[in-house]
Structures are given as C-alpha cells and as structure tokens.
Amino acid sequence: MGIFVFLPLVLPLTAWPIARLAEQRLHPRTATLLLTGVSSVMALCSTVCLALLMVVGTAQLPGNPLPDGWSDSEVRESVPHHEIVGKAAIPALVAVVGGGLRALLHHHRLLRRAHQALAGLPRTAVAVLPDAEPYAYALPGGPRDRVVVSTGMLTRLAPRERRALFAHERAHLAAGHHRHLLLVRLAACANPFLWPLRTAVAYTTERWADEAAAQAVGSRRAVARAIGKAALVTHGAPATAFAGVAAFAAPGPLPRRVAALLGPAPVVRAWPPIFTAVGLALWTAATGALLSAMFSANSAVTLLLLLHAATPL
C-alpha cells in the first residue's frame, strides 16, 4: 500500500475549485449531480482508507480478537509510520461512523416529527396550515410527498407568486433534492474537506428549483419577485422547515439567486471546454475522484492479499 493509502484522505481538496465554479458556471442540475457524485465517491474512498488503517492499527493492540497473522510484520510495514497512524485511525473511523449515524438519525427524526405534525389533515399534495407565521417547505416521504405552506405565507403572496412557490417546492420533491442534501451531508461527516461541496449543493438545489419554477410559471422575474418577497416576510420568523430540503425563502445567498433569475437562463452543457476555469476545475475534481477510487481499491486489494498470506488456513 505504502503512502498511497493516505491520498484518499486529502484528495477531496482537489474538488474545492469546482465547488464554487459549479455554482456560477454550470446549470444547477448539472452542478448538483456532479458535486453529489464527486463528494460521495471521495467520502467512500476516504472511509475505506480509514478502515484499512484501522485494521493495521487494531492488529497491533494487545488482546485483540483478530488472527495472530494480522499482526505480522509485513502487514504492519505495509503502512508507513503504522505505529502512529494505525492507532489514530481507530478513533477517527469511530468519529466518522458516529457522525454519519447521528446525521441519519437526526434526518429521520425531523422527517418523522414533520409528518406527525400533519396528522389528521387530508392527505393531499398540498398541506395548508392555519398559522400566521409565514413559511413553506417540501416534505418528502410518508404516504406521499407533500408541499407544506402556512396561511401566513399565502396571504402575503400574489396569485402568480403562489404558483411560483408551489412550483419551486414541487421541483424539490420531483428531483429528490433531499437525497442529494443528505448524501453531501454524510460525505462531509466522512471527510471535513468535503464541507465546501455540501454548501455548494445546498445552493445549487435551490437554483435548480428556481429554474424549474420559472419554467412552470413562464416568468423568471415572477419567481425572483416571489423569492424576494418571501425572504422579507419570513425575516425573523422561526425556522419550521424540514431540514432535509430547504424552505422557499431559506437562509443563504438569496441575492445571488435573485440576480441569477433576473439574468439569462443557464445553458445546459454536457461538458465545459477544458481550457476554461470551470473546465480545468471539473477535470481536476474528476481526476481526484478517480485517483481516490484507484488508490483505495489498490490498497484494499493489497491488504487483503497480505492478510490472506499471513493468516494460516
């Protein structure tokens, strides 16, 4: 394995340039799919790396239940500075697994509570809550996906702006944005270097829904006006949206969303030219993800072969 076993831990740094450039230069749908895929691959590879290091580190501990051959000198020497990194990988992997499980439990707990709050209401595609506080959000799962909106929000929007709101939230549900957001959140738990990609996906999913709403209502300006008005009326209101999918007027770079809607519609490109900033960043991120997969797979196979050779039948 050698030093290559450590590379999947730091290769996520190669994805940092594309995180911001994808927000600005790629179609929101393309950016969301790209960033989610890259972060998922890199998170999986770095977790495999930690698992391999933990095997080496655990084999050195006295009283471990593993076969004696696993602590063979050849196994230990397959990782540089195995005395330190092998043992350090144990709490690191525990933290990764614990953080991922905590994120999953938090996600499902919020989802369950959100559905329980709608108990007794008709199971329609739109749930209108008699609440003076203005809010609206997409709620996936349960018997059916639903758009939840308060009467306080509806009374503050014009009819065309209401159509934009519903189209925006339905786009979240139709595209499964909650899955993208959950995946990048788990990826950030697996490797903190992937945190910028999580932030970028939170923005690109909103932009994706904005563009879908603009197509549905036939006016980008109407969607921009609805977003701006919703942001004004929800300023200071308590956060009631399900955390898996951001609310219509979610906190974040709202001025950038409005400015994007007031400009020309983004163009869907299969792959940007390599001799551009976004093209170079995209190729760098793709290469980093590919190298992470190659190095983690090579290290896993090498360690398995060493363990098989060192373990008596």
Protein backbone atom coordinates (compact mmCIF):
# COMPACT_ATOMS: atom_id res chain seq x y z
CA MET A 1 0.00 0.00 0.00
CA GLY A 2 2.66 2.49 1.05
CA ILE A 3 1.97 6.19 1.19
CA PHE A 4 -0.80 5.86 -1.42
CA VAL A 5 -3.19 4.66 1.27
CA PHE A 6 -3.23 8.19 2.71
CA LEU A 7 -4.05 10.00 -0.52
CA PRO A 8 -7.87 9.44 -0.44
CA LEU A 9 -7.89 11.41 2.81
CA VAL A 10 -6.53 14.57 1.16
CA LEU A 11 -7.65 14.25 -2.47
CA PRO A 12 -11.02 15.90 -1.64
CA LEU A 13 -9.03 19.15 -1.68
CA THR A 14 -8.95 18.82 -5.48
CA ALA A 15 -12.73 19.36 -5.53
CA TRP A 16 -12.64 22.76 -3.83
CA PRO A 17 -12.24 24.83 -7.04
CA ILE A 18 -15.23 23.19 -8.76
CA ALA A 19 -17.45 23.72 -5.71
CA ARG A 20 -17.69 27.48 -6.28
CA LEU A 21 -17.25 27.49 -10.06
CA ALA A 22 -20.07 24.96 -10.49
CA GLU A 23 -22.45 27.34 -8.74
CA GLN A 24 -21.59 30.12 -11.17
CA ARG A 25 -20.81 28.44 -14.50
CA LEU A 26 -22.79 25.18 -14.70
CA HIS A 27 -26.52 24.55 -14.97
CA PRO A 28 -27.87 23.97 -11.43
CA ARG A 29 -29.00 20.44 -12.27
CA THR A 30 -25.59 19.54 -13.71
CA ALA A 31 -23.80 21.12 -10.77
CA THR A 32 -25.94 19.29 -8.21
CA LEU A 33 -25.46 15.88 -9.82
CA LEU A 34 -21.73 16.46 -10.34
CA LEU A 35 -20.99 17.70 -6.81
CA THR A 36 -23.10 14.99 -5.19
CA GLY A 37 -21.36 12.27 -7.19
CA VAL A 38 -17.84 13.58 -6.56
CA SER A 39 -18.44 14.05 -2.83
CA SER A 40 -20.00 10.59 -2.46
CA VAL A 41 -17.11 8.84 -4.22
CA MET A 42 -14.46 10.73 -2.29
CA ALA A 43 -16.21 10.18 1.05
CA LEU A 44 -16.49 6.44 0.40
CA CYS A 45 -12.81 6.22 -0.58
CA SER A 46 -11.59 8.13 2.46
CA THR A 47 -13.71 5.92 4.73
CA VAL A 48 -12.21 2.81 3.12
CA CYS A 49 -8.78 4.32 3.73
CA LEU A 50 -9.53 4.81 7.42
CA ALA A 51 -10.87 1.26 7.66
CA LEU A 52 -7.65 -0.14 6.18
CA LEU A 53 -5.55 1.90 8.56
CA MET A 54 -7.73 0.75 11.46
CA VAL A 55 -7.13 -2.90 10.54
CA VAL A 56 -3.40 -2.32 10.75
CA GLY A 57 -3.73 -0.35 13.97
CA THR A 58 -6.09 -2.80 15.67
CA ALA A 59 -3.82 -5.73 14.87
CA GLN A 60 -1.09 -4.14 16.99
CA LEU A 61 -3.20 -3.81 20.14
CA PRO A 62 -2.65 -6.46 22.83
CA GLY A 63 -5.55 -8.81 23.37
CA ASN A 64 -7.22 -8.07 20.03
CA PRO A 65 -9.55 -10.83 18.77
CA LEU A 66 -8.07 -10.84 15.27
CA PRO A 67 -5.99 -13.73 13.94
CA ASP A 68 -2.34 -13.63 15.01
CA GLY A 69 -1.21 -13.43 11.40
CA TRP A 70 -2.85 -10.00 11.07
CA SER A 71 -0.14 -8.50 13.28
CA ASP A 72 2.58 -9.95 11.09
CA SER A 73 5.45 -7.52 10.48
CA GLU A 74 4.78 -7.50 6.73
CA VAL A 75 1.21 -6.38 7.35
CA ARG A 76 2.33 -3.61 9.69
CA GLU A 77 5.09 -2.43 7.41
CA SER A 78 2.63 -2.05 4.52
CA VAL A 79 1.65 1.30 6.06
CA PRO A 80 4.30 3.98 6.73
CA HIS A 81 4.51 5.02 10.41
CA HIS A 82 1.98 2.31 11.23
CA GLU A 83 2.62 2.72 14.98
CA ILE A 84 1.00 6.16 14.94
CA VAL A 85 -1.45 6.30 12.04
CA GLY A 86 -2.82 2.82 12.64
CA LYS A 87 -3.91 3.66 16.17
CA ALA A 88 -5.01 7.20 15.25
CA ALA A 89 -7.30 5.77 12.56
CA ILE A 90 -9.35 3.89 15.17
CA PRO A 91 -10.94 6.94 16.88
CA ALA A 92 -11.10 8.73 13.50
CA LEU A 93 -13.18 5.93 11.97
CA VAL A 94 -15.36 5.76 15.08
CA ALA A 95 -15.97 9.51 14.74
CA VAL A 96 -16.86 9.13 11.06
CA VAL A 97 -19.32 6.30 11.69
CA GLY A 98 -20.77 8.07 14.71
CA GLY A 99 -21.20 11.33 12.82
CA GLY A 100 -22.89 9.57 9.92
CA LEU A 101 -25.28 7.68 12.17
CA ARG A 102 -26.08 10.85 14.09
CA ALA A 103 -26.83 12.69 10.84
CA LEU A 104 -29.10 9.87 9.65
CA LEU A 105 -30.96 9.72 12.96
CA HIS A 106 -31.39 13.50 13.00
CA HIS A 107 -32.69 13.43 9.43
CA HIS A 108 -35.24 10.69 10.07
CA ARG A 109 -36.28 12.17 13.43
CA LEU A 110 -37.09 15.53 11.83
CA LEU A 111 -38.90 13.79 8.99
CA ARG A 112 -41.00 11.77 11.42
CA ARG A 113 -41.87 14.82 13.51
CA ALA A 114 -42.80 16.81 10.43
CA HIS A 115 -45.20 14.10 9.29
CA GLN A 116 -46.64 13.74 12.78
CA ALA A 117 -47.39 17.47 12.81
CA LEU A 118 -49.59 16.92 9.75
CA ALA A 119 -51.53 14.04 11.28
CA GLY A 120 -55.27 14.48 10.88
CA LEU A 121 -55.01 16.67 7.79
CA PRO A 122 -56.28 15.38 4.42
CA ARG A 123 -53.56 13.52 2.52
CA THR A 124 -53.45 16.00 -0.32
CA ALA A 125 -50.39 17.08 -2.29
CA VAL A 126 -50.52 20.47 -0.54
CA ALA A 127 -51.00 20.86 3.20
CA VAL A 128 -52.12 24.33 4.26
CA LEU A 129 -51.57 25.00 7.95
CA PRO A 130 -53.60 27.71 9.73
CA ASP A 131 -50.58 29.56 11.05
CA ALA A 132 -49.88 33.29 10.96
CA GLU A 133 -46.13 32.67 10.67
CA PRO A 134 -45.08 32.70 7.00
CA TYR A 135 -43.27 29.56 5.82
CA ALA A 136 -43.34 26.97 3.06
CA TYR A 137 -41.30 23.82 2.53
CA ALA A 138 -41.22 20.49 0.74
CA LEU A 139 -41.79 17.40 2.87
CA PRO A 140 -40.70 14.10 1.28
CA GLY A 141 -41.56 10.61 2.47
CA GLY A 142 -44.56 9.29 4.32
CA PRO A 143 -47.67 8.15 2.44
CA ARG A 144 -46.90 10.78 -0.21
CA ASP A 145 -44.63 13.76 -0.82
CA ARG A 146 -46.26 17.00 0.20
CA VAL A 147 -45.81 20.74 0.00
CA VAL A 148 -46.46 22.39 3.36
CA VAL A 149 -47.39 26.06 3.45
CA SER A 150 -48.87 28.32 6.08
CA THR A 151 -51.80 30.67 5.60
CA GLY A 152 -49.48 33.43 6.74
CA MET A 153 -47.30 32.85 3.66
CA LEU A 154 -50.20 32.54 1.22
CA THR A 155 -51.82 35.79 2.32
CA ARG A 156 -48.59 37.68 1.66
CA LEU A 157 -48.08 36.48 -1.93
CA ALA A 158 -49.89 37.41 -5.13
CA PRO A 159 -51.53 34.58 -7.13
CA ARG A 160 -48.65 34.30 -9.62
CA GLU A 161 -46.15 34.32 -6.76
CA ARG A 162 -48.06 31.49 -5.09
CA ARG A 163 -47.77 29.45 -8.28
CA ALA A 164 -44.04 30.11 -8.24
CA LEU A 165 -43.84 28.96 -4.62
CA PHE A 166 -45.68 25.70 -5.30
CA ALA A 167 -43.67 25.04 -8.46
CA HIS A 168 -40.43 25.60 -6.54
CA GLU A 169 -41.34 23.16 -3.78
CA ARG A 170 -42.68 20.55 -6.21
CA ALA A 171 -39.37 20.74 -8.07
CA HIS A 172 -37.57 19.87 -4.83
CA LEU A 173 -39.76 16.80 -4.43
CA ALA A 174 -39.70 15.70 -8.06
CA ALA A 175 -35.89 15.85 -8.26
CA GLY A 176 -35.35 14.22 -4.85
CA HIS A 177 -33.22 17.08 -3.60
CA HIS A 178 -33.46 15.79 -0.05
CA ARG A 179 -31.39 12.77 -1.12
CA HIS A 180 -28.66 14.95 -2.61
CA LEU A 181 -28.55 17.07 0.53
CA LEU A 182 -28.38 14.02 2.76
CA LEU A 183 -25.60 12.43 0.70
CA VAL A 184 -23.39 15.51 0.79
CA ARG A 185 -24.07 15.89 4.50
CA LEU A 186 -22.92 12.32 5.11
CA ALA A 187 -19.91 12.94 2.86
CA ALA A 188 -18.94 15.96 4.95
CA CYS A 189 -19.21 13.79 8.08
CA ALA A 190 -16.85 11.27 6.47
CA ASN A 191 -14.28 13.87 5.43
CA PRO A 192 -14.34 17.52 6.60
CA PHE A 193 -12.52 18.55 3.41
CA LEU A 194 -15.81 17.90 1.58
CA TRP A 195 -17.70 20.58 3.53
CA PRO A 196 -17.48 23.19 0.71
CA LEU A 197 -19.27 20.74 -1.60
CA ARG A 198 -22.10 20.40 0.90
CA THR A 199 -22.51 24.18 0.98
CA ALA A 200 -22.43 24.33 -2.81
CA VAL A 201 -25.09 21.63 -3.22
CA ALA A 202 -27.36 23.43 -0.75
CA TYR A 203 -27.22 26.42 -3.12
CA THR A 204 -27.45 24.53 -6.44
CA THR A 205 -30.54 22.59 -5.35
CA GLU A 206 -32.27 25.89 -4.63
CA ARG A 207 -31.19 27.26 -8.00
CA TRP A 208 -32.41 24.07 -9.68
CA ALA A 209 -35.83 24.51 -8.10
CA ASP A 210 -35.83 28.22 -9.01
CA GLU A 211 -35.25 27.43 -12.68
CA ALA A 212 -37.92 24.72 -12.66
CA ALA A 213 -40.38 27.19 -11.11
CA ALA A 214 -39.50 29.81 -13.73
CA GLN A 215 -40.30 27.34 -16.50
CA ALA A 216 -43.55 26.32 -14.82
CA VAL A 217 -44.91 29.87 -14.41
CA GLY A 218 -43.32 31.22 -17.59
CA SER A 219 -41.59 34.15 -15.91
CA ARG A 220 -38.17 34.30 -14.28
CA ARG A 221 -38.97 37.76 -12.91
CA ALA A 222 -42.09 36.47 -11.15
CA VAL A 223 -40.07 33.78 -9.37
CA ALA A 224 -37.39 36.32 -8.40
CA ARG A 225 -40.08 38.62 -7.02
CA ALA A 226 -41.68 35.75 -5.08
CA ILE A 227 -38.34 34.74 -3.55
CA GLY A 228 -37.56 38.31 -2.54
CA LYS A 229 -40.99 38.90 -1.01
CA ALA A 230 -40.92 35.58 0.85
CA ALA A 231 -37.49 36.44 2.25
CA LEU A 232 -38.79 39.77 3.53
CA VAL A 233 -41.90 38.35 5.21
CA THR A 234 -40.01 35.43 6.81
CA HIS A 235 -37.22 37.61 8.21
CA GLY A 236 -37.02 36.81 11.92
CA ALA A 237 -39.62 34.03 11.72
CA PRO A 238 -38.76 30.74 13.44
CA ALA A 239 -37.26 28.01 11.27
CA THR A 240 -40.04 25.48 10.78
CA ALA A 241 -38.91 23.81 7.57
CA PHE A 242 -37.86 20.20 7.36
CA ALA A 243 -34.07 20.25 7.40
CA GLY A 244 -33.69 17.77 4.54
CA VAL A 245 -34.99 20.27 1.99
CA ALA A 246 -34.55 24.00 2.40
CA ALA A 247 -37.58 26.24 2.60
CA PHE A 248 -38.73 28.52 -0.20
CA ALA A 249 -37.11 31.53 1.45
CA ALA A 250 -34.31 29.60 3.10
CA PRO A 251 -31.38 31.44 4.67
CA GLY A 252 -28.45 31.70 2.32
CA PRO A 253 -27.27 33.65 -0.72
CA LEU A 254 -30.71 34.95 -1.70
CA PRO A 255 -29.31 37.98 -3.56
CA ARG A 256 -27.36 35.60 -5.80
CA ARG A 257 -30.48 33.56 -6.52
CA VAL A 258 -32.50 36.66 -7.38
CA ALA A 259 -29.69 38.05 -9.55
CA ALA A 260 -29.44 34.73 -11.40
CA LEU A 261 -33.18 34.75 -12.10
CA LEU A 262 -33.05 38.32 -13.38
CA GLY A 263 -30.32 37.31 -15.82
CA PRO A 264 -30.49 34.93 -18.79
CA ALA A 265 -31.44 31.30 -18.26
CA PRO A 266 -28.47 28.97 -17.70
CA VAL A 267 -27.41 26.83 -20.63
CA VAL A 268 -27.19 23.07 -20.21
CA ARG A 269 -23.75 21.91 -21.30
CA ALA A 270 -22.66 18.30 -21.49
CA TRP A 271 -19.06 19.14 -20.55
CA PRO A 272 -17.36 22.55 -20.49
CA PRO A 273 -14.21 23.12 -22.58
CA ILE A 274 -11.08 22.03 -20.76
CA PHE A 275 -9.23 25.29 -21.40
CA THR A 276 -11.57 27.30 -19.20
CA ALA A 277 -11.58 27.85 -15.45
CA VAL A 278 -14.63 25.66 -14.88
CA GLY A 279 -13.33 23.02 -17.30
CA LEU A 280 -9.97 22.77 -15.55
CA ALA A 281 -11.66 22.66 -12.13
CA LEU A 282 -14.07 19.98 -13.30
CA TRP A 283 -11.31 17.81 -14.75
CA THR A 284 -9.30 18.27 -11.55
CA ALA A 285 -12.21 17.16 -9.39
CA ALA A 286 -12.97 14.21 -11.66
CA THR A 287 -9.32 13.16 -11.64
CA GLY A 288 -9.21 13.46 -7.86
CA ALA A 289 -12.28 11.25 -7.51
CA LEU A 290 -10.84 8.70 -9.94
CA LEU A 291 -7.48 8.62 -8.14
CA SER A 292 -9.24 8.23 -4.79
CA ALA A 293 -11.13 5.22 -6.13
CA MET A 294 -7.97 3.71 -7.64
CA PHE A 295 -5.79 4.18 -4.57
CA SER A 296 -8.40 2.95 -2.10
CA ALA A 297 -9.17 -0.12 -4.26
CA ASN A 298 -5.46 -0.88 -4.75
CA SER A 299 -4.77 -0.53 -1.02
CA ALA A 300 -7.75 -2.73 -0.12
CA VAL A 301 -6.68 -5.48 -2.51
CA THR A 302 -3.07 -5.29 -1.33
CA LEU A 303 -4.05 -5.52 2.32
CA LEU A 304 -6.41 -8.42 1.66
CA LEU A 305 -3.66 -10.32 -0.11
CA LEU A 306 -1.24 -9.65 2.74
CA LEU A 307 -3.77 -10.73 5.36
CA HIS A 308 -4.59 -13.87 3.38
CA ALA A 309 -0.90 -14.73 3.12
CA ALA A 310 -0.27 -14.05 6.81
CA THR A 311 -3.33 -15.90 8.12
CA PRO A 312 -2.95 -19.68 8.35
CA LEU A 313 -5.73 -21.74 6.89
